[in-house]
N, C-alpha and C. Protein backbone atom coordinates (compact mmCIF):
# COMPACT_ATOMS: atom_id res chain seq x y z
N MET A 1 82.88 138.66 160.63
CA MET A 1 83.14 138.44 159.21
C MET A 1 83.67 139.72 158.59
N LYS A 2 84.42 139.59 157.52
CA LYS A 2 85.05 140.75 156.91
C LYS A 2 85.14 140.55 155.39
N VAL A 3 84.82 141.60 154.64
CA VAL A 3 84.94 141.59 153.18
C VAL A 3 85.74 142.81 152.78
N GLU A 4 86.91 142.59 152.20
CA GLU A 4 87.80 143.70 151.84
C GLU A 4 88.14 143.66 150.34
N LEU A 5 87.91 144.76 149.66
CA LEU A 5 88.31 144.87 148.25
C LEU A 5 89.83 145.04 148.19
N ILE A 6 90.51 144.19 147.41
CA ILE A 6 91.96 144.30 147.32
C ILE A 6 92.44 144.69 145.92
N ASP A 7 91.57 144.57 144.91
CA ASP A 7 91.98 144.95 143.56
C ASP A 7 90.73 145.06 142.68
N SER A 8 90.86 145.82 141.60
CA SER A 8 89.74 145.95 140.67
C SER A 8 90.26 146.41 139.31
N MET A 9 89.44 146.24 138.29
CA MET A 9 89.81 146.67 136.94
C MET A 9 88.55 147.09 136.20
N GLY A 10 88.61 148.21 135.49
CA GLY A 10 87.52 148.65 134.64
C GLY A 10 86.54 149.56 135.34
N ASP A 11 85.57 150.04 134.57
CA ASP A 11 84.49 150.89 135.07
C ASP A 11 83.29 150.75 134.14
N ASP A 12 82.27 151.56 134.36
CA ASP A 12 81.08 151.48 133.52
C ASP A 12 81.39 151.70 132.05
N LEU A 13 82.34 152.59 131.77
CA LEU A 13 82.71 152.86 130.38
C LEU A 13 83.35 151.63 129.74
N SER A 14 84.05 150.84 130.53
CA SER A 14 84.65 149.61 130.01
C SER A 14 83.58 148.66 129.47
N VAL A 15 82.46 148.57 130.18
CA VAL A 15 81.37 147.71 129.76
C VAL A 15 80.77 148.21 128.45
N VAL A 16 80.53 149.52 128.41
CA VAL A 16 79.96 150.13 127.21
C VAL A 16 80.84 149.90 125.99
N ASN A 17 82.12 150.12 126.15
CA ASN A 17 83.02 149.98 125.00
C ASN A 17 83.24 148.53 124.59
N ALA A 18 83.10 147.61 125.53
CA ALA A 18 83.16 146.19 125.17
C ALA A 18 81.99 145.83 124.27
N ALA A 19 80.84 146.49 124.50
CA ALA A 19 79.68 146.24 123.65
C ALA A 19 79.81 146.95 122.31
N ARG A 20 80.28 148.19 122.35
CA ARG A 20 80.34 149.01 121.13
C ARG A 20 81.42 148.55 120.14
N VAL A 21 82.38 147.76 120.62
CA VAL A 21 83.44 147.31 119.71
C VAL A 21 82.86 146.45 118.59
N SER A 22 81.69 145.86 118.80
CA SER A 22 81.06 145.05 117.74
C SER A 22 80.81 145.87 116.49
N PHE A 23 80.58 147.19 116.67
CA PHE A 23 80.36 148.10 115.56
C PHE A 23 81.56 149.00 115.31
N SER A 24 82.71 148.59 115.89
CA SER A 24 83.94 149.38 115.78
C SER A 24 83.73 150.81 116.27
N LYS A 25 82.96 150.94 117.36
CA LYS A 25 82.68 152.24 117.97
C LYS A 25 83.30 152.30 119.35
N GLU A 26 83.42 153.52 119.89
CA GLU A 26 83.98 153.70 121.23
C GLU A 26 83.44 154.99 121.83
N SER A 27 83.08 154.93 123.11
CA SER A 27 82.64 156.12 123.84
C SER A 27 83.81 156.67 124.65
N LYS A 28 84.06 157.96 124.54
CA LYS A 28 85.15 158.59 125.29
C LYS A 28 84.70 159.01 126.69
N GLU A 29 83.43 159.41 126.81
CA GLU A 29 82.86 159.79 128.09
C GLU A 29 81.49 159.14 128.23
N PHE A 30 81.14 158.78 129.45
CA PHE A 30 79.88 158.10 129.70
C PHE A 30 78.73 159.07 129.55
N SER A 31 77.69 158.66 128.82
CA SER A 31 76.55 159.54 128.54
C SER A 31 75.23 158.81 128.85
N ASP A 32 74.13 159.54 128.74
CA ASP A 32 72.80 158.94 128.92
C ASP A 32 72.56 157.83 127.92
N LYS A 33 73.09 158.01 126.72
CA LYS A 33 72.95 156.99 125.69
C LYS A 33 73.65 155.69 126.10
N ASP A 34 74.79 155.86 126.76
CA ASP A 34 75.51 154.68 127.24
C ASP A 34 74.75 153.97 128.36
N GLU A 35 74.11 154.74 129.21
CA GLU A 35 73.32 154.13 130.28
C GLU A 35 72.16 153.33 129.72
N LYS A 36 71.52 153.82 128.66
CA LYS A 36 70.46 153.08 128.01
C LYS A 36 70.99 151.77 127.43
N LEU A 37 72.22 151.83 126.89
CA LEU A 37 72.82 150.63 126.35
C LEU A 37 73.06 149.60 127.46
N LEU A 38 73.55 150.05 128.62
CA LEU A 38 73.77 149.14 129.74
C LEU A 38 72.46 148.46 130.15
N ASN A 39 71.40 149.23 130.23
CA ASN A 39 70.11 148.68 130.61
C ASN A 39 69.61 147.66 129.59
N TYR A 40 69.85 147.93 128.33
CA TYR A 40 69.45 147.00 127.27
C TYR A 40 70.25 145.70 127.38
N LEU A 41 71.56 145.82 127.57
CA LEU A 41 72.40 144.64 127.68
C LEU A 41 71.96 143.76 128.85
N ALA A 42 71.72 144.39 130.00
CA ALA A 42 71.33 143.63 131.18
C ALA A 42 69.96 142.98 131.01
N LYS A 43 69.03 143.75 130.46
CA LYS A 43 67.66 143.26 130.31
C LYS A 43 67.59 142.05 129.39
N HIS A 44 68.41 142.06 128.33
CA HIS A 44 68.37 140.98 127.34
C HIS A 44 69.47 139.94 127.56
N ASN A 45 70.07 139.97 128.75
CA ASN A 45 71.04 138.95 129.16
C ASN A 45 72.26 138.87 128.25
N HIS A 46 72.68 140.02 127.72
CA HIS A 46 73.95 140.09 126.99
C HIS A 46 75.04 140.35 128.03
N TRP A 47 75.51 139.26 128.64
CA TRP A 47 76.36 139.42 129.83
C TRP A 47 77.84 139.58 129.52
N THR A 48 78.29 139.25 128.30
CA THR A 48 79.73 139.28 128.04
C THR A 48 80.37 140.67 128.22
N PRO A 49 79.72 141.78 127.83
CA PRO A 49 80.36 143.07 128.09
C PRO A 49 80.61 143.32 129.58
N PHE A 50 79.75 142.75 130.44
CA PHE A 50 79.94 142.90 131.88
C PHE A 50 81.06 142.00 132.40
N GLY A 51 81.57 141.14 131.53
CA GLY A 51 82.66 140.24 131.93
C GLY A 51 84.03 140.84 131.79
N HIS A 52 84.13 142.11 131.36
CA HIS A 52 85.43 142.76 131.15
C HIS A 52 85.85 143.63 132.33
N CYS A 53 85.05 143.67 133.37
CA CYS A 53 85.40 144.37 134.60
C CYS A 53 85.58 143.32 135.71
N PHE A 54 86.56 143.55 136.57
CA PHE A 54 86.91 142.55 137.57
C PHE A 54 87.05 143.19 138.96
N ALA A 55 86.91 142.33 139.96
CA ALA A 55 87.16 142.73 141.34
C ALA A 55 87.73 141.54 142.09
N SER A 56 88.61 141.82 143.07
CA SER A 56 89.16 140.79 143.94
C SER A 56 88.88 141.18 145.39
N PHE A 57 88.40 140.23 146.15
CA PHE A 57 88.09 140.45 147.56
C PHE A 57 88.88 139.47 148.43
N ARG A 58 89.27 139.94 149.60
CA ARG A 58 89.76 139.03 150.65
C ARG A 58 88.64 138.95 151.68
N ILE A 59 88.17 137.74 151.91
CA ILE A 59 86.98 137.55 152.74
C ILE A 59 87.31 136.64 153.92
N LYS A 60 86.79 137.01 155.06
CA LYS A 60 86.92 136.20 156.28
C LYS A 60 85.53 135.87 156.77
N ALA A 61 85.24 134.57 156.87
CA ALA A 61 83.91 134.12 157.26
C ALA A 61 84.02 132.69 157.77
N PRO A 62 82.98 132.21 158.47
CA PRO A 62 83.02 130.82 158.92
C PRO A 62 82.93 129.83 157.77
N ILE A 63 83.41 128.63 158.01
CA ILE A 63 83.47 127.62 156.96
C ILE A 63 82.11 127.34 156.35
N PHE A 64 81.05 127.33 157.16
CA PHE A 64 79.73 126.99 156.60
C PHE A 64 79.26 128.05 155.61
N VAL A 65 79.71 129.29 155.76
CA VAL A 65 79.40 130.34 154.79
C VAL A 65 80.27 130.18 153.54
N ALA A 66 81.55 129.93 153.76
CA ALA A 66 82.48 129.75 152.64
C ALA A 66 82.04 128.62 151.73
N ARG A 67 81.56 127.51 152.31
CA ARG A 67 81.19 126.37 151.48
C ARG A 67 79.95 126.65 150.65
N GLN A 68 79.05 127.49 151.15
CA GLN A 68 77.90 127.88 150.33
C GLN A 68 78.35 128.74 149.16
N LEU A 69 79.22 129.69 149.42
CA LEU A 69 79.65 130.60 148.36
C LEU A 69 80.58 129.93 147.35
N ALA A 70 81.32 128.93 147.79
CA ALA A 70 82.25 128.25 146.88
C ALA A 70 81.53 127.47 145.79
N LYS A 71 80.21 127.28 145.93
CA LYS A 71 79.45 126.59 144.90
C LYS A 71 79.40 127.40 143.60
N HIS A 72 79.61 128.72 143.70
CA HIS A 72 79.61 129.57 142.52
C HIS A 72 80.98 129.47 141.84
N GLN A 73 81.00 129.00 140.62
CA GLN A 73 82.27 128.70 139.95
C GLN A 73 82.49 129.53 138.69
N VAL A 74 81.45 129.78 137.91
CA VAL A 74 81.62 130.37 136.58
C VAL A 74 82.09 131.83 136.69
N GLY A 75 83.22 132.14 136.05
CA GLY A 75 83.75 133.49 136.04
C GLY A 75 84.43 133.91 137.31
N LEU A 76 84.73 132.96 138.21
CA LEU A 76 85.29 133.28 139.52
C LEU A 76 86.50 132.40 139.82
N CYS A 77 87.44 132.94 140.60
CA CYS A 77 88.60 132.18 141.07
C CYS A 77 88.66 132.28 142.60
N TRP A 78 89.07 131.20 143.25
CA TRP A 78 89.01 131.09 144.71
C TRP A 78 90.30 130.47 145.22
N ASN A 79 91.01 131.14 146.11
CA ASN A 79 92.16 130.58 146.81
C ASN A 79 92.00 130.82 148.30
N GLU A 80 92.08 129.73 149.08
CA GLU A 80 91.73 129.78 150.49
C GLU A 80 92.89 129.37 151.38
N VAL A 81 92.90 129.91 152.59
CA VAL A 81 93.82 129.47 153.63
C VAL A 81 93.69 127.96 153.81
N SER A 82 94.80 127.25 153.91
CA SER A 82 94.77 125.80 154.07
C SER A 82 95.35 125.40 155.41
N ARG A 83 94.56 124.71 156.20
CA ARG A 83 95.06 124.23 157.48
C ARG A 83 95.82 122.92 157.32
N ARG A 84 96.10 122.53 156.09
CA ARG A 84 97.12 121.50 155.85
C ARG A 84 98.50 122.09 156.10
N TYR A 85 98.63 123.40 155.89
CA TYR A 85 99.93 124.05 155.94
C TYR A 85 100.14 124.88 157.19
N ILE A 86 99.08 125.32 157.82
CA ILE A 86 99.22 126.17 158.99
C ILE A 86 98.56 125.49 160.20
N ASP A 87 99.05 125.81 161.39
CA ASP A 87 98.48 125.23 162.60
C ASP A 87 98.34 126.30 163.69
N ASN A 88 98.12 127.53 163.27
CA ASN A 88 97.94 128.60 164.25
C ASN A 88 96.59 128.43 164.96
N GLU A 89 96.40 129.17 166.04
CA GLU A 89 95.21 129.03 166.85
C GLU A 89 93.96 129.34 166.01
N PRO A 90 93.01 128.42 165.94
CA PRO A 90 91.80 128.66 165.15
C PRO A 90 90.91 129.72 165.80
N GLU A 91 90.16 130.42 164.96
CA GLU A 91 89.20 131.42 165.41
C GLU A 91 87.82 130.94 165.01
N PHE A 92 86.81 131.25 165.84
CA PHE A 92 85.48 130.70 165.61
C PHE A 92 84.43 131.79 165.54
N TYR A 93 83.38 131.50 164.79
CA TYR A 93 82.24 132.41 164.66
C TYR A 93 81.18 132.00 165.67
N VAL A 94 80.70 132.98 166.43
CA VAL A 94 79.62 132.74 167.38
C VAL A 94 78.49 133.70 167.05
N PRO A 95 77.31 133.22 166.74
CA PRO A 95 76.19 134.11 166.39
C PRO A 95 75.72 134.92 167.59
N VAL A 96 75.21 136.08 167.31
CA VAL A 96 74.65 136.92 168.37
C VAL A 96 73.45 136.23 169.00
N SER A 97 72.66 135.56 168.18
CA SER A 97 71.49 134.83 168.67
C SER A 97 71.29 133.59 167.79
N TRP A 98 70.53 132.65 168.32
CA TRP A 98 70.19 131.43 167.58
C TRP A 98 68.76 131.55 167.07
N ARG A 99 68.55 131.27 165.78
CA ARG A 99 67.25 131.42 165.17
C ARG A 99 66.49 130.08 165.16
N LYS A 100 65.18 130.17 165.21
CA LYS A 100 64.35 128.97 165.11
C LYS A 100 64.24 128.51 163.67
N ARG A 101 63.92 127.25 163.51
CA ARG A 101 63.69 126.69 162.18
C ARG A 101 62.42 127.30 161.59
N ALA A 102 62.45 127.55 160.29
CA ALA A 102 61.27 128.09 159.60
C ALA A 102 60.24 126.98 159.40
N ASP A 103 58.97 127.29 159.62
CA ASP A 103 57.92 126.28 159.49
C ASP A 103 57.48 126.06 158.05
N ASN A 104 57.69 127.06 157.19
CA ASN A 104 57.09 127.00 155.86
C ASN A 104 58.08 126.61 154.76
N VAL A 105 59.33 126.33 155.12
CA VAL A 105 60.32 125.90 154.12
C VAL A 105 61.13 124.74 154.68
N LYS A 106 61.72 123.94 153.78
CA LYS A 106 62.50 122.79 154.20
C LYS A 106 63.86 123.20 154.73
N GLN A 107 64.34 124.35 154.30
CA GLN A 107 65.64 124.83 154.77
C GLN A 107 65.47 126.26 155.26
N GLY A 108 66.49 126.77 155.91
CA GLY A 108 66.44 128.16 156.33
C GLY A 108 65.96 128.30 157.77
N SER A 109 65.70 129.54 158.15
CA SER A 109 65.34 129.85 159.53
C SER A 109 64.31 130.96 159.56
N SER A 110 63.68 131.11 160.70
CA SER A 110 62.72 132.19 160.88
C SER A 110 63.41 133.36 161.56
N ASP A 111 62.70 134.45 161.77
CA ASP A 111 63.24 135.61 162.48
C ASP A 111 63.10 135.46 163.99
N GLU A 112 62.44 134.40 164.43
CA GLU A 112 62.21 134.22 165.86
C GLU A 112 63.43 133.59 166.52
N LYS A 113 63.81 134.12 167.67
CA LYS A 113 64.97 133.61 168.39
C LYS A 113 64.63 132.34 169.14
N ALA A 114 65.58 131.41 169.15
CA ALA A 114 65.43 130.18 169.91
C ALA A 114 65.91 130.42 171.34
N GLN A 115 65.16 129.93 172.30
CA GLN A 115 65.53 130.03 173.71
C GLN A 115 66.21 128.72 174.12
N LEU A 116 67.49 128.80 174.46
CA LEU A 116 68.25 127.61 174.77
C LEU A 116 68.12 127.23 176.24
N MET A 117 68.05 125.93 176.49
CA MET A 117 68.07 125.44 177.87
C MET A 117 69.44 125.70 178.46
N LEU A 118 69.50 125.80 179.77
CA LEU A 118 70.76 126.12 180.44
C LEU A 118 71.85 125.09 180.13
N TYR A 119 71.45 123.82 180.06
CA TYR A 119 72.44 122.80 179.78
C TYR A 119 73.00 122.94 178.37
N VAL A 120 72.12 123.25 177.41
CA VAL A 120 72.56 123.44 176.02
C VAL A 120 73.51 124.63 175.93
N GLN A 121 73.17 125.73 176.62
CA GLN A 121 74.03 126.90 176.63
C GLN A 121 75.38 126.59 177.27
N PHE A 122 75.36 125.78 178.33
CA PHE A 122 76.60 125.36 178.98
C PHE A 122 77.49 124.57 178.02
N CYS A 123 76.87 123.65 177.28
CA CYS A 123 77.63 122.86 176.30
C CYS A 123 78.22 123.75 175.21
N LEU A 124 77.43 124.72 174.76
CA LEU A 124 77.91 125.63 173.74
C LEU A 124 79.10 126.44 174.25
N ASP A 125 78.98 126.96 175.46
CA ASP A 125 80.04 127.79 176.03
C ASP A 125 81.35 127.03 176.17
N ASN A 126 81.25 125.71 176.33
CA ASN A 126 82.46 124.92 176.56
C ASN A 126 82.95 124.18 175.31
N SER A 127 82.13 124.13 174.27
CA SER A 127 82.49 123.33 173.11
C SER A 127 83.71 123.88 172.38
N ILE A 128 83.76 125.19 172.19
CA ILE A 128 84.88 125.78 171.44
C ILE A 128 86.19 125.66 172.21
N PRO A 129 86.23 126.00 173.52
CA PRO A 129 87.48 125.76 174.26
C PRO A 129 87.89 124.30 174.26
N ASP A 130 86.91 123.38 174.38
CA ASP A 130 87.24 121.95 174.39
C ASP A 130 87.84 121.48 173.08
N VAL A 131 87.22 121.90 171.96
CA VAL A 131 87.72 121.44 170.67
C VAL A 131 89.07 122.09 170.33
N THR A 132 89.28 123.32 170.81
CA THR A 132 90.58 123.97 170.60
C THR A 132 91.68 123.24 171.37
N ARG A 133 91.38 122.85 172.60
CA ARG A 133 92.36 122.09 173.39
C ARG A 133 92.67 120.75 172.73
N LEU A 134 91.62 120.09 172.23
CA LEU A 134 91.83 118.81 171.57
C LEU A 134 92.71 118.97 170.33
N TYR A 135 92.43 119.99 169.53
CA TYR A 135 93.23 120.27 168.32
C TYR A 135 94.70 120.48 168.69
N ASN A 136 94.93 121.31 169.70
CA ASN A 136 96.31 121.61 170.10
C ASN A 136 97.02 120.39 170.68
N ARG A 137 96.26 119.54 171.39
CA ARG A 137 96.85 118.32 171.96
C ARG A 137 97.22 117.32 170.87
N LEU A 138 96.40 117.28 169.82
CA LEU A 138 96.76 116.44 168.68
C LEU A 138 98.07 116.90 168.04
N LEU A 139 98.20 118.21 167.88
CA LEU A 139 99.43 118.75 167.31
C LEU A 139 100.63 118.48 168.23
N ASP A 140 100.41 118.66 169.54
CA ASP A 140 101.49 118.41 170.51
C ASP A 140 101.89 116.93 170.52
N SER A 141 100.95 116.07 170.12
CA SER A 141 101.25 114.63 170.08
C SER A 141 101.96 114.22 168.80
N GLY A 142 102.20 115.22 167.93
CA GLY A 142 102.90 114.94 166.69
C GLY A 142 102.00 114.67 165.51
N VAL A 143 100.69 114.78 165.69
CA VAL A 143 99.76 114.57 164.57
C VAL A 143 99.91 115.71 163.57
N CYS A 144 99.90 115.38 162.29
CA CYS A 144 100.07 116.40 161.24
C CYS A 144 98.87 117.33 161.19
N PRO A 145 99.08 118.61 160.81
CA PRO A 145 97.98 119.57 160.74
C PRO A 145 96.83 119.11 159.83
N GLU A 146 97.14 118.40 158.72
CA GLU A 146 96.07 118.02 157.79
C GLU A 146 95.12 117.00 158.40
N GLN A 147 95.55 116.27 159.44
CA GLN A 147 94.64 115.38 160.14
C GLN A 147 94.05 116.02 161.40
N ALA A 148 94.85 116.77 162.11
CA ALA A 148 94.38 117.41 163.33
C ALA A 148 93.20 118.34 163.05
N ARG A 149 93.17 118.95 161.89
CA ARG A 149 92.10 119.87 161.53
C ARG A 149 90.73 119.20 161.48
N MET A 150 90.69 117.89 161.41
CA MET A 150 89.41 117.18 161.26
C MET A 150 88.50 117.37 162.46
N VAL A 151 89.03 117.74 163.61
CA VAL A 151 88.19 117.91 164.80
C VAL A 151 87.61 119.31 164.89
N LEU A 152 88.01 120.20 164.00
CA LEU A 152 87.54 121.58 164.05
C LEU A 152 86.18 121.70 163.40
N PRO A 153 85.25 122.46 164.00
CA PRO A 153 83.86 122.53 163.51
C PRO A 153 83.68 123.51 162.36
N GLN A 154 82.48 123.48 161.77
CA GLN A 154 82.16 124.37 160.66
C GLN A 154 82.10 125.84 161.07
N SER A 155 82.04 126.11 162.35
CA SER A 155 82.03 127.50 162.80
C SER A 155 83.41 128.13 162.79
N MET A 156 84.45 127.35 162.48
CA MET A 156 85.80 127.93 162.40
C MET A 156 85.88 128.95 161.27
N MET A 157 86.56 130.04 161.54
CA MET A 157 86.74 131.07 160.53
C MET A 157 87.80 130.65 159.51
N THR A 158 87.56 131.00 158.27
CA THR A 158 88.53 130.79 157.21
C THR A 158 88.66 132.08 156.41
N GLU A 159 89.68 132.15 155.57
CA GLU A 159 89.90 133.34 154.72
C GLU A 159 90.18 132.88 153.32
N TRP A 160 89.72 133.66 152.36
CA TRP A 160 90.02 133.35 150.97
C TRP A 160 90.05 134.62 150.13
N ILE A 161 90.74 134.54 149.00
CA ILE A 161 90.71 135.60 148.00
C ILE A 161 89.79 135.14 146.89
N TRP A 162 88.81 135.98 146.59
CA TRP A 162 87.78 135.65 145.62
C TRP A 162 87.79 136.71 144.53
N SER A 163 88.11 136.30 143.33
CA SER A 163 88.22 137.23 142.20
C SER A 163 87.26 136.81 141.09
N GLY A 164 86.71 137.79 140.42
CA GLY A 164 85.80 137.46 139.34
C GLY A 164 85.31 138.67 138.60
N SER A 165 84.55 138.43 137.57
CA SER A 165 84.05 139.51 136.74
C SER A 165 82.82 140.17 137.36
N LEU A 166 82.49 141.32 136.86
CA LEU A 166 81.28 142.03 137.25
C LEU A 166 80.06 141.16 137.03
N ALA A 167 80.02 140.49 135.89
CA ALA A 167 78.88 139.62 135.57
C ALA A 167 78.77 138.47 136.57
N ALA A 168 79.92 137.89 136.93
CA ALA A 168 79.90 136.74 137.84
C ALA A 168 79.43 137.13 139.23
N PHE A 169 79.93 138.25 139.75
CA PHE A 169 79.51 138.67 141.09
C PHE A 169 78.04 139.12 141.09
N ALA A 170 77.56 139.61 139.97
CA ALA A 170 76.14 139.94 139.89
C ALA A 170 75.28 138.69 140.04
N ARG A 171 75.72 137.60 139.43
CA ARG A 171 74.98 136.33 139.57
C ARG A 171 75.04 135.83 141.02
N VAL A 172 76.20 135.96 141.64
CA VAL A 172 76.34 135.54 143.04
C VAL A 172 75.36 136.31 143.92
N CYS A 173 75.36 137.62 143.77
CA CYS A 173 74.54 138.46 144.62
C CYS A 173 73.05 138.28 144.34
N LYS A 174 72.70 138.02 143.09
CA LYS A 174 71.30 137.77 142.76
C LYS A 174 70.77 136.59 143.58
N LEU A 175 71.57 135.53 143.69
CA LEU A 175 71.14 134.34 144.41
C LEU A 175 71.30 134.48 145.92
N ARG A 176 72.41 135.06 146.36
CA ARG A 176 72.71 135.07 147.80
C ARG A 176 72.09 136.25 148.55
N LEU A 177 71.48 137.18 147.83
CA LEU A 177 70.72 138.24 148.49
C LEU A 177 69.25 137.90 148.57
N ASP A 178 68.89 136.77 148.02
CA ASP A 178 67.51 136.31 148.11
C ASP A 178 67.15 136.07 149.59
N PRO A 179 65.93 136.42 150.01
CA PRO A 179 65.54 136.22 151.41
C PRO A 179 65.66 134.77 151.89
N HIS A 180 65.63 133.79 150.96
CA HIS A 180 65.74 132.39 151.35
C HIS A 180 67.18 131.97 151.60
N SER A 181 68.13 132.80 151.22
CA SER A 181 69.53 132.49 151.48
C SER A 181 69.83 132.65 152.97
N GLN A 182 70.82 131.92 153.46
CA GLN A 182 71.15 131.99 154.89
C GLN A 182 71.60 133.40 155.27
N GLN A 183 71.17 133.85 156.43
CA GLN A 183 71.42 135.23 156.83
C GLN A 183 72.91 135.57 156.83
N GLU A 184 73.75 134.67 157.36
CA GLU A 184 75.18 134.96 157.42
C GLU A 184 75.78 135.05 156.03
N THR A 185 75.29 134.24 155.10
CA THR A 185 75.77 134.29 153.72
C THR A 185 75.31 135.59 153.05
N ARG A 186 74.09 136.03 153.37
CA ARG A 186 73.58 137.29 152.83
C ARG A 186 74.46 138.47 153.28
N GLU A 187 74.99 138.41 154.48
CA GLU A 187 75.83 139.49 154.97
C GLU A 187 77.06 139.67 154.10
N VAL A 188 77.69 138.56 153.73
CA VAL A 188 78.85 138.65 152.83
C VAL A 188 78.45 139.20 151.48
N ALA A 189 77.33 138.71 150.93
CA ALA A 189 76.84 139.18 149.63
C ALA A 189 76.49 140.66 149.67
N GLN A 190 75.96 141.13 150.79
CA GLN A 190 75.62 142.55 150.92
C GLN A 190 76.86 143.43 150.84
N HIS A 191 77.96 142.99 151.47
CA HIS A 191 79.21 143.74 151.39
C HIS A 191 79.75 143.77 149.96
N ILE A 192 79.70 142.63 149.29
CA ILE A 192 80.16 142.56 147.89
C ILE A 192 79.31 143.47 147.02
N ALA A 193 78.00 143.40 147.18
CA ALA A 193 77.08 144.21 146.36
C ALA A 193 77.32 145.69 146.58
N ALA A 194 77.53 146.11 147.83
CA ALA A 194 77.77 147.53 148.11
C ALA A 194 79.05 148.01 147.45
N THR A 195 80.08 147.17 147.48
CA THR A 195 81.36 147.54 146.85
C THR A 195 81.24 147.61 145.33
N MET A 196 80.58 146.62 144.74
CA MET A 196 80.41 146.62 143.29
C MET A 196 79.55 147.79 142.83
N HIS A 197 78.55 148.14 143.60
CA HIS A 197 77.70 149.30 143.26
C HIS A 197 78.52 150.59 143.31
N HIS A 198 79.45 150.67 144.25
CA HIS A 198 80.30 151.86 144.36
C HIS A 198 81.25 151.97 143.16
N MET A 199 81.79 150.85 142.72
CA MET A 199 82.79 150.87 141.63
C MET A 199 82.15 150.95 140.25
N PHE A 200 81.01 150.27 140.08
CA PHE A 200 80.35 150.19 138.78
C PHE A 200 78.88 150.58 138.94
N PRO A 201 78.58 151.80 139.34
CA PRO A 201 77.21 152.19 139.73
C PRO A 201 76.17 151.98 138.63
N LYS A 202 76.48 152.40 137.41
CA LYS A 202 75.49 152.28 136.32
C LYS A 202 75.29 150.83 135.92
N SER A 203 76.38 150.10 135.80
CA SER A 203 76.30 148.69 135.40
C SER A 203 75.60 147.85 136.47
N TRP A 204 75.97 148.10 137.72
CA TRP A 204 75.39 147.31 138.80
C TRP A 204 73.88 147.57 138.93
N ARG A 205 73.49 148.82 138.75
CA ARG A 205 72.06 149.16 138.81
C ARG A 205 71.31 148.47 137.67
N ALA A 206 71.91 148.47 136.48
CA ALA A 206 71.26 147.81 135.34
C ALA A 206 71.10 146.32 135.57
N LEU A 207 72.16 145.69 136.10
CA LEU A 207 72.10 144.25 136.36
C LEU A 207 71.09 143.93 137.47
N LYS A 208 71.07 144.76 138.48
CA LYS A 208 70.13 144.55 139.59
C LYS A 208 68.69 144.71 139.12
N ASN A 209 68.43 145.75 138.32
CA ASN A 209 67.07 145.97 137.82
C ASN A 209 66.62 144.83 136.91
N ALA A 210 67.55 144.34 136.11
CA ALA A 210 67.23 143.23 135.21
C ALA A 210 66.89 141.96 135.99
N ALA A 211 67.57 141.80 137.12
CA ALA A 211 67.36 140.61 137.93
C ALA A 211 66.01 140.62 138.63
N THR A 212 65.44 141.81 138.82
CA THR A 212 64.15 141.92 139.53
C THR A 212 62.97 142.09 138.59
N ASP A 213 63.23 142.21 137.29
CA ASP A 213 62.13 142.38 136.32
C ASP A 213 61.29 141.11 136.22
């Protein structure tokens, strides 16, 4: 999986000045007073000043991860590779290990590794080559890409550009960094969070602290 920052706009001072414009005020340099303002805004859920900073990411992840993240809509834009238009060789995600089902929740997994039977491992090892051959044979038979893609599994890698405000990505990370979120989805959220913290350190810290209060 891969998360790459491709564009951004604004900084911590942008958030401060978006708030201060209500009083026709402006900060020229970021100060301790401005940091207190950020903390106040985050704590009391005044999210609009955080909506004036933006980031765009190009993300590569398996379809099952993408579909979880695509549920987040507010303040975000999403454009994805379409296999209606392309028919290049698909790429697949293979986990390092398989996790057992968690006993105490209806969804999710435990930290314990599942031990696969030899036959199950054999089927796994052959499933991706088999489905790739089937996909290519459908294309060779003249089947259109938008139908041939139906045989491809959720483990297929996809790519998308995901753009949104500082406030929107803070909401995404608040939910997807939760321990109950799927591990693979948390990995993408961790990359986004690290990038946003680097670009907007004071604002991101304020939003994160407010989320854990």
